[in-house]
């Protein structure tokens, strides 16, 4: 899927360099053109999402992959901010985390996460999950119009 001839814009909010590299490698094998933007903490993610300072000219994101355990501002606060913002709330947020705690799962869905995925250990499993995310969000699901035109 490309929207208006452009790559799918993905925001990866992740502080673990190994997981960043795994995600980038998995999306390199993707069937769709994509551009991954990296936020290494919650504060940077919010700055990118709200297009503040050096992030003023970032594109609108089509998908957000969000870790919960982040420095500065945690993932749950980032998720709450996204879902409380009229401009951002329709962007799908996939929580990707190592936490299997029921409390984290329930709280993420209560904050309107679109899905909750536990990070696998192996690279092959990670690639399978990224492929499933890609297939689901960009081949199966019908998403609302982009926010750049006001969602009309």
N, C-alpha and C. Protein backbone atom coordinates (compact mmCIF):
# COMPACT_ATOMS: atom_id res chain seq x y z
N UNK A 1 0.84 -1.18 0.00
CA UNK A 1 0.00 0.00 0.00
C UNK A 1 0.88 1.23 0.00
N UNK A 2 0.56 2.16 -0.84
CA UNK A 2 1.15 3.48 -0.75
C UNK A 2 0.00 4.46 -0.84
N UNK A 3 0.06 5.46 -0.03
CA UNK A 3 -0.98 6.48 -0.04
C UNK A 3 -0.53 7.60 -0.96
N UNK A 4 -1.35 7.86 -1.97
CA UNK A 4 -1.03 8.93 -2.91
C UNK A 4 0.38 8.81 -3.47
N UNK A 5 0.80 7.56 -3.75
CA UNK A 5 2.09 7.33 -4.37
C UNK A 5 3.27 7.44 -3.44
N UNK A 6 3.05 7.59 -2.16
CA UNK A 6 4.17 7.72 -1.24
C UNK A 6 4.31 6.46 -0.40
N UNK A 7 5.49 6.25 0.19
CA UNK A 7 5.64 5.08 1.06
C UNK A 7 4.76 5.20 2.30
N UNK A 8 4.46 4.06 2.89
CA UNK A 8 3.74 4.03 4.16
C UNK A 8 4.70 4.57 5.22
N UNK A 9 4.23 5.53 5.99
CA UNK A 9 5.05 6.17 7.02
C UNK A 9 4.80 5.50 8.37
N UNK A 10 5.85 4.94 8.94
CA UNK A 10 5.75 4.21 10.20
C UNK A 10 6.60 4.91 11.25
N UNK A 11 6.01 5.12 12.42
CA UNK A 11 6.78 5.64 13.55
C UNK A 11 7.04 4.49 14.49
N UNK A 12 8.31 4.17 14.69
CA UNK A 12 8.72 3.15 15.65
C UNK A 12 9.21 3.87 16.90
N UNK A 13 8.53 3.63 18.01
CA UNK A 13 8.91 4.24 19.29
C UNK A 13 9.54 3.14 20.12
N UNK A 14 10.86 3.14 20.18
CA UNK A 14 11.62 2.03 20.76
C UNK A 14 12.97 2.53 21.26
N UNK A 15 13.36 2.12 22.46
CA UNK A 15 14.65 2.55 22.99
C UNK A 15 15.73 1.47 22.90
N UNK A 16 15.36 0.25 22.56
CA UNK A 16 16.32 -0.84 22.48
C UNK A 16 16.90 -0.91 21.07
N UNK A 17 18.21 -0.67 20.94
CA UNK A 17 18.84 -0.63 19.62
C UNK A 17 18.69 -1.96 18.88
N UNK A 18 18.78 -3.07 19.59
CA UNK A 18 18.61 -4.37 18.95
C UNK A 18 17.23 -4.54 18.35
N UNK A 19 16.19 -4.10 19.08
CA UNK A 19 14.83 -4.20 18.57
C UNK A 19 14.60 -3.23 17.41
N UNK A 20 15.26 -2.09 17.45
CA UNK A 20 15.17 -1.14 16.33
C UNK A 20 15.74 -1.79 15.07
N UNK A 21 16.92 -2.40 15.18
CA UNK A 21 17.55 -3.05 14.03
C UNK A 21 16.70 -4.21 13.52
N UNK A 22 16.16 -5.02 14.42
CA UNK A 22 15.30 -6.13 14.01
C UNK A 22 14.08 -5.63 13.24
N UNK A 23 13.46 -4.58 13.75
CA UNK A 23 12.27 -4.03 13.10
C UNK A 23 12.62 -3.48 11.72
N UNK A 24 13.72 -2.74 11.64
CA UNK A 24 14.13 -2.19 10.35
C UNK A 24 14.42 -3.30 9.35
N UNK A 25 15.13 -4.34 9.78
CA UNK A 25 15.44 -5.45 8.88
C UNK A 25 14.17 -6.17 8.44
N UNK A 26 13.25 -6.37 9.37
CA UNK A 26 12.00 -7.06 9.02
C UNK A 26 11.19 -6.25 8.02
N UNK A 27 11.15 -4.93 8.19
CA UNK A 27 10.39 -4.10 7.26
C UNK A 27 11.11 -3.93 5.92
N UNK A 28 12.42 -4.13 5.89
CA UNK A 28 13.14 -4.10 4.60
C UNK A 28 12.64 -5.22 3.69
N UNK A 29 12.21 -6.33 4.30
CA UNK A 29 11.68 -7.46 3.54
C UNK A 29 10.20 -7.30 3.23
N UNK A 30 9.62 -6.20 3.62
CA UNK A 30 8.17 -6.00 3.49
C UNK A 30 7.75 -5.94 2.02
N UNK A 31 6.47 -6.23 1.81
CA UNK A 31 5.91 -6.21 0.47
C UNK A 31 5.51 -4.79 0.04
N UNK A 32 5.47 -3.89 0.99
CA UNK A 32 5.05 -2.52 0.67
C UNK A 32 6.23 -1.56 0.88
N UNK A 33 6.20 -0.49 0.12
CA UNK A 33 7.20 0.55 0.34
C UNK A 33 6.89 1.21 1.67
N UNK A 34 7.92 1.39 2.49
CA UNK A 34 7.70 2.01 3.78
C UNK A 34 8.89 2.86 4.16
N UNK A 35 8.63 3.78 5.04
CA UNK A 35 9.66 4.64 5.60
C UNK A 35 9.49 4.60 7.12
N UNK A 36 10.54 4.16 7.81
CA UNK A 36 10.46 4.04 9.26
C UNK A 36 11.18 5.21 9.91
N UNK A 37 10.48 5.88 10.80
CA UNK A 37 11.03 6.97 11.59
C UNK A 37 11.18 6.44 13.01
N UNK A 38 12.29 6.76 13.66
CA UNK A 38 12.59 6.21 14.98
C UNK A 38 12.53 7.30 16.04
N UNK A 39 11.77 7.01 17.11
CA UNK A 39 11.79 7.83 18.33
C UNK A 39 12.34 6.93 19.42
N UNK A 40 13.39 7.35 20.11
CA UNK A 40 14.05 6.50 21.09
C UNK A 40 13.56 6.72 22.52
N UNK A 41 12.62 7.61 22.70
CA UNK A 41 11.98 7.79 24.01
C UNK A 41 10.62 8.44 23.80
N UNK A 42 9.81 8.45 24.85
CA UNK A 42 8.46 8.98 24.74
C UNK A 42 8.42 10.47 24.44
N UNK A 43 9.37 11.20 24.97
CA UNK A 43 9.41 12.64 24.73
C UNK A 43 9.67 12.94 23.25
N UNK A 44 10.62 12.22 22.66
CA UNK A 44 10.91 12.40 21.24
C UNK A 44 9.71 11.98 20.39
N UNK A 45 9.04 10.90 20.79
CA UNK A 45 7.86 10.44 20.04
C UNK A 45 6.79 11.53 20.00
N UNK A 46 6.51 12.14 21.15
CA UNK A 46 5.48 13.18 21.18
C UNK A 46 5.90 14.39 20.35
N UNK A 47 7.17 14.73 20.40
CA UNK A 47 7.67 15.85 19.59
C UNK A 47 7.49 15.55 18.10
N UNK A 48 7.77 14.31 17.71
CA UNK A 48 7.61 13.92 16.31
C UNK A 48 6.13 13.89 15.91
N UNK A 49 5.30 13.35 16.76
CA UNK A 49 3.87 13.26 16.45
C UNK A 49 3.21 14.63 16.35
N UNK A 50 3.67 15.55 17.18
CA UNK A 50 3.10 16.90 17.18
C UNK A 50 3.88 17.86 16.29
N UNK A 51 4.88 17.30 15.59
CA UNK A 51 5.67 18.06 14.61
C UNK A 51 6.27 19.33 15.21
N UNK A 52 6.94 19.14 16.33
CA UNK A 52 7.56 20.26 17.05
C UNK A 52 9.04 20.36 16.73
N UNK A 53 9.55 21.57 16.74
CA UNK A 53 10.98 21.82 16.56
C UNK A 53 11.53 21.19 15.30
N UNK A 54 12.58 20.37 15.44
CA UNK A 54 13.23 19.79 14.25
C UNK A 54 12.34 18.78 13.52
N UNK A 55 11.21 18.44 14.11
CA UNK A 55 10.29 17.46 13.50
C UNK A 55 9.12 18.12 12.77
N UNK A 56 9.20 19.43 12.58
CA UNK A 56 8.07 20.18 12.02
C UNK A 56 7.65 19.71 10.63
N UNK A 57 8.57 19.15 9.87
CA UNK A 57 8.25 18.79 8.49
C UNK A 57 8.12 17.29 8.27
N UNK A 58 7.94 16.55 9.34
CA UNK A 58 7.71 15.11 9.19
C UNK A 58 6.36 14.85 8.52
N UNK A 59 6.27 13.75 7.80
CA UNK A 59 4.97 13.40 7.21
C UNK A 59 4.01 12.92 8.29
N UNK A 60 2.74 12.80 7.94
CA UNK A 60 1.77 12.18 8.84
C UNK A 60 2.08 10.68 8.86
N UNK A 61 1.90 10.08 10.02
CA UNK A 61 2.20 8.66 10.15
C UNK A 61 0.97 7.82 9.85
N UNK A 62 1.21 6.65 9.22
CA UNK A 62 0.15 5.72 8.89
C UNK A 62 0.01 4.63 9.94
N UNK A 63 1.07 4.39 10.70
CA UNK A 63 1.08 3.35 11.73
C UNK A 63 2.12 3.71 12.77
N UNK A 64 1.79 3.43 14.03
CA UNK A 64 2.73 3.66 15.13
C UNK A 64 2.98 2.33 15.83
N UNK A 65 4.25 1.94 15.93
CA UNK A 65 4.66 0.77 16.69
C UNK A 65 5.27 1.29 17.99
N UNK A 66 4.64 0.97 19.11
CA UNK A 66 4.96 1.63 20.38
C UNK A 66 5.37 0.64 21.46
N UNK A 67 6.57 0.81 21.98
CA UNK A 67 7.01 0.06 23.15
C UNK A 67 6.42 0.73 24.38
N UNK A 68 6.16 -0.04 25.43
CA UNK A 68 5.62 0.55 26.66
C UNK A 68 6.69 1.08 27.58
N UNK A 69 7.81 0.37 27.64
CA UNK A 69 8.87 0.72 28.60
C UNK A 69 9.87 1.66 27.94
N UNK A 70 9.59 2.95 28.08
CA UNK A 70 10.41 3.97 27.43
C UNK A 70 10.99 4.93 28.46
N UNK A 71 12.16 5.50 28.17
CA UNK A 71 12.68 6.56 29.04
C UNK A 71 11.91 7.87 28.84
N UNK A 72 12.04 8.74 29.79
CA UNK A 72 11.47 10.10 29.82
C UNK A 72 9.96 10.08 29.97
N UNK A 73 9.23 9.64 28.97
CA UNK A 73 7.76 9.53 29.05
C UNK A 73 7.43 8.11 28.63
N UNK A 74 6.70 7.38 29.48
CA UNK A 74 6.45 5.97 29.16
C UNK A 74 5.43 5.81 28.04
N UNK A 75 5.40 4.60 27.48
CA UNK A 75 4.56 4.31 26.33
C UNK A 75 3.07 4.51 26.59
N UNK A 76 2.64 4.22 27.81
CA UNK A 76 1.21 4.40 28.12
C UNK A 76 0.83 5.88 28.06
N UNK A 77 1.71 6.76 28.51
CA UNK A 77 1.43 8.19 28.43
C UNK A 77 1.43 8.66 26.98
N UNK A 78 2.34 8.11 26.18
CA UNK A 78 2.37 8.44 24.74
C UNK A 78 1.07 7.99 24.09
N UNK A 79 0.65 6.77 24.39
CA UNK A 79 -0.59 6.23 23.84
C UNK A 79 -1.79 7.10 24.24
N UNK A 80 -1.85 7.50 25.49
CA UNK A 80 -2.95 8.34 25.96
C UNK A 80 -2.96 9.67 25.21
N UNK A 81 -1.79 10.26 25.01
CA UNK A 81 -1.68 11.53 24.29
C UNK A 81 -2.18 11.36 22.85
N UNK A 82 -1.77 10.28 22.20
CA UNK A 82 -2.19 10.04 20.81
C UNK A 82 -3.70 9.93 20.72
N UNK A 83 -4.28 9.13 21.57
CA UNK A 83 -5.71 8.85 21.48
C UNK A 83 -6.58 10.00 21.99
N UNK A 84 -5.97 10.97 22.67
CA UNK A 84 -6.71 12.16 23.11
C UNK A 84 -6.57 13.32 22.12
N UNK A 85 -5.80 13.14 21.07
CA UNK A 85 -5.55 14.20 20.10
C UNK A 85 -6.42 13.97 18.87
N UNK A 86 -7.26 14.92 18.53
CA UNK A 86 -8.17 14.78 17.38
C UNK A 86 -7.43 14.47 16.08
N UNK A 87 -6.23 15.01 15.91
CA UNK A 87 -5.48 14.83 14.68
C UNK A 87 -4.82 13.45 14.61
N UNK A 88 -4.55 12.84 15.76
CA UNK A 88 -3.78 11.60 15.80
C UNK A 88 -4.59 10.36 16.14
N UNK A 89 -5.75 10.52 16.74
CA UNK A 89 -6.44 9.37 17.35
C UNK A 89 -6.79 8.24 16.39
N UNK A 90 -6.92 8.55 15.10
CA UNK A 90 -7.26 7.49 14.15
C UNK A 90 -6.05 6.74 13.60
N UNK A 91 -4.85 7.19 13.94
CA UNK A 91 -3.65 6.47 13.49
C UNK A 91 -3.55 5.18 14.31
N UNK A 92 -3.49 4.03 13.64
CA UNK A 92 -3.39 2.78 14.39
C UNK A 92 -2.12 2.71 15.23
N UNK A 93 -2.28 2.28 16.47
CA UNK A 93 -1.14 2.11 17.38
C UNK A 93 -1.06 0.64 17.76
N UNK A 94 0.06 0.02 17.40
CA UNK A 94 0.34 -1.35 17.78
C UNK A 94 1.34 -1.31 18.91
N UNK A 95 0.92 -1.73 20.10
CA UNK A 95 1.84 -1.82 21.23
C UNK A 95 2.68 -3.07 20.99
N UNK A 96 3.99 -2.89 20.93
CA UNK A 96 4.93 -4.01 20.78
C UNK A 96 5.87 -3.97 21.97
N UNK A 97 5.74 -4.94 22.85
CA UNK A 97 6.47 -4.90 24.09
C UNK A 97 6.84 -6.30 24.56
N UNK A 98 7.74 -6.37 25.51
CA UNK A 98 8.11 -7.65 26.11
C UNK A 98 7.17 -8.01 27.25
N UNK A 99 6.35 -7.08 27.70
CA UNK A 99 5.50 -7.31 28.86
C UNK A 99 4.32 -8.23 28.53
N UNK A 100 4.19 -9.27 29.36
CA UNK A 100 3.02 -10.14 29.25
C UNK A 100 2.09 -9.92 30.44
N UNK A 101 2.33 -8.86 31.20
CA UNK A 101 1.52 -8.57 32.38
C UNK A 101 0.10 -8.20 31.97
N UNK A 102 -0.88 -8.88 32.57
CA UNK A 102 -2.28 -8.60 32.28
C UNK A 102 -2.61 -7.13 32.50
N UNK A 103 -2.03 -6.54 33.51
CA UNK A 103 -2.26 -5.12 33.82
C UNK A 103 -1.88 -4.24 32.62
N UNK A 104 -0.73 -4.52 32.00
CA UNK A 104 -0.28 -3.74 30.85
C UNK A 104 -1.18 -3.96 29.64
N UNK A 105 -1.60 -5.19 29.44
CA UNK A 105 -2.48 -5.50 28.30
C UNK A 105 -3.82 -4.77 28.46
N UNK A 106 -4.43 -4.91 29.63
CA UNK A 106 -5.73 -4.28 29.87
C UNK A 106 -5.62 -2.76 29.80
N UNK A 107 -4.59 -2.22 30.43
CA UNK A 107 -4.44 -0.76 30.42
C UNK A 107 -4.21 -0.23 29.01
N UNK A 108 -3.43 -0.95 28.20
CA UNK A 108 -3.19 -0.52 26.82
C UNK A 108 -4.48 -0.48 26.02
N UNK A 109 -5.30 -1.52 26.15
CA UNK A 109 -6.58 -1.51 25.44
C UNK A 109 -7.53 -0.47 26.02
N UNK A 110 -7.49 -0.25 27.32
CA UNK A 110 -8.32 0.82 27.91
C UNK A 110 -7.92 2.19 27.38
N UNK A 111 -6.65 2.34 27.01
CA UNK A 111 -6.17 3.59 26.42
C UNK A 111 -6.35 3.61 24.90
N UNK A 112 -7.06 2.61 24.38
CA UNK A 112 -7.45 2.52 22.96
C UNK A 112 -6.32 2.12 22.02
N UNK A 113 -5.38 1.29 22.51
CA UNK A 113 -4.41 0.68 21.60
C UNK A 113 -5.20 -0.13 20.58
N UNK A 114 -4.73 -0.18 19.36
CA UNK A 114 -5.41 -0.94 18.32
C UNK A 114 -5.04 -2.42 18.37
N UNK A 115 -3.88 -2.72 18.90
CA UNK A 115 -3.49 -4.11 19.13
C UNK A 115 -2.31 -4.14 20.09
N UNK A 116 -2.10 -5.32 20.66
CA UNK A 116 -1.04 -5.53 21.65
C UNK A 116 -0.29 -6.78 21.22
N UNK A 117 1.01 -6.64 20.95
CA UNK A 117 1.83 -7.73 20.47
C UNK A 117 3.03 -7.89 21.38
N UNK A 118 3.28 -9.12 21.83
CA UNK A 118 4.47 -9.37 22.62
C UNK A 118 5.64 -9.66 21.68
N UNK A 119 6.76 -9.01 21.93
CA UNK A 119 7.94 -9.19 21.08
C UNK A 119 8.47 -10.62 21.21
N UNK A 120 8.71 -11.25 20.08
CA UNK A 120 9.28 -12.60 20.12
C UNK A 120 10.79 -12.54 20.35
N UNK A 121 11.36 -13.67 20.66
CA UNK A 121 12.79 -13.76 20.93
C UNK A 121 13.60 -13.85 19.63
N UNK A 122 13.20 -14.72 18.72
CA UNK A 122 14.01 -14.98 17.52
C UNK A 122 13.71 -13.98 16.41
N UNK A 123 14.71 -13.78 15.55
CA UNK A 123 14.55 -12.88 14.42
C UNK A 123 13.49 -13.40 13.46
N UNK A 124 13.47 -14.71 13.21
CA UNK A 124 12.48 -15.28 12.29
C UNK A 124 11.06 -15.05 12.81
N UNK A 125 10.84 -15.23 14.10
CA UNK A 125 9.52 -14.97 14.69
C UNK A 125 9.19 -13.48 14.61
N UNK A 126 10.19 -12.66 14.82
CA UNK A 126 9.99 -11.21 14.74
C UNK A 126 9.57 -10.82 13.33
N UNK A 127 10.25 -11.39 12.31
CA UNK A 127 9.90 -11.11 10.92
C UNK A 127 8.47 -11.55 10.61
N UNK A 128 8.07 -12.70 11.16
CA UNK A 128 6.71 -13.19 10.94
C UNK A 128 5.68 -12.23 11.54
N UNK A 129 5.97 -11.70 12.71
CA UNK A 129 5.04 -10.76 13.35
C UNK A 129 4.97 -9.47 12.56
N UNK A 130 6.12 -8.95 12.12
CA UNK A 130 6.11 -7.73 11.32
C UNK A 130 5.35 -7.94 10.02
N UNK A 131 5.53 -9.09 9.41
CA UNK A 131 4.80 -9.40 8.18
C UNK A 131 3.30 -9.46 8.44
N UNK A 132 2.91 -10.06 9.56
CA UNK A 132 1.48 -10.12 9.91
C UNK A 132 0.93 -8.73 10.16
N UNK A 133 1.71 -7.88 10.83
CA UNK A 133 1.27 -6.50 11.08
C UNK A 133 1.09 -5.78 9.75
N UNK A 134 2.06 -5.94 8.87
CA UNK A 134 1.99 -5.30 7.55
C UNK A 134 0.76 -5.79 6.78
N UNK A 135 0.58 -7.11 6.73
CA UNK A 135 -0.56 -7.67 6.00
C UNK A 135 -1.87 -7.16 6.57
N UNK A 136 -2.00 -7.20 7.87
CA UNK A 136 -3.26 -6.80 8.50
C UNK A 136 -3.55 -5.32 8.29
N UNK A 137 -2.61 -4.46 8.66
CA UNK A 137 -2.89 -3.02 8.65
C UNK A 137 -2.88 -2.40 7.26
N UNK A 138 -2.20 -3.04 6.30
CA UNK A 138 -2.11 -2.41 4.98
C UNK A 138 -2.70 -3.23 3.85
N UNK A 139 -3.18 -4.44 4.14
CA UNK A 139 -3.83 -5.24 3.10
C UNK A 139 -5.25 -5.63 3.46
N UNK A 140 -5.52 -5.87 4.74
CA UNK A 140 -6.82 -6.37 5.18
C UNK A 140 -7.74 -5.24 5.63
N UNK A 141 -7.24 -4.39 6.49
CA UNK A 141 -8.06 -3.36 7.14
C UNK A 141 -8.28 -2.17 6.21
N UNK A 142 -9.45 -1.61 6.26
CA UNK A 142 -9.73 -0.34 5.58
C UNK A 142 -9.54 0.76 6.62
N UNK A 143 -8.57 1.63 6.36
CA UNK A 143 -8.27 2.71 7.30
C UNK A 143 -9.00 3.98 6.89
N UNK A 144 -9.27 4.88 7.86
CA UNK A 144 -9.92 6.14 7.52
C UNK A 144 -8.97 7.02 6.71
N UNK A 145 -9.52 8.05 6.06
CA UNK A 145 -8.66 8.96 5.30
C UNK A 145 -7.59 9.56 6.20
N UNK A 146 -6.48 9.99 5.57
CA UNK A 146 -5.38 10.59 6.30
C UNK A 146 -5.76 11.87 7.01
N UNK A 147 -4.93 12.24 7.96
CA UNK A 147 -5.21 13.44 8.76
C UNK A 147 -4.76 14.71 8.06
N UNK A 148 -3.92 14.57 7.01
CA UNK A 148 -3.40 15.78 6.38
C UNK A 148 -4.50 16.60 5.70
N UNK A 149 -5.63 15.95 5.38
CA UNK A 149 -6.72 16.68 4.74
C UNK A 149 -7.88 16.90 5.72
N UNK A 150 -7.57 16.74 7.02
CA UNK A 150 -8.62 16.94 8.03
C UNK A 150 -9.50 15.73 8.20
N UNK A 151 -9.17 14.63 7.53
CA UNK A 151 -9.95 13.42 7.68
C UNK A 151 -11.24 13.42 6.90
N UNK A 152 -11.42 14.35 6.01
CA UNK A 152 -12.67 14.45 5.24
C UNK A 152 -12.64 13.51 4.06
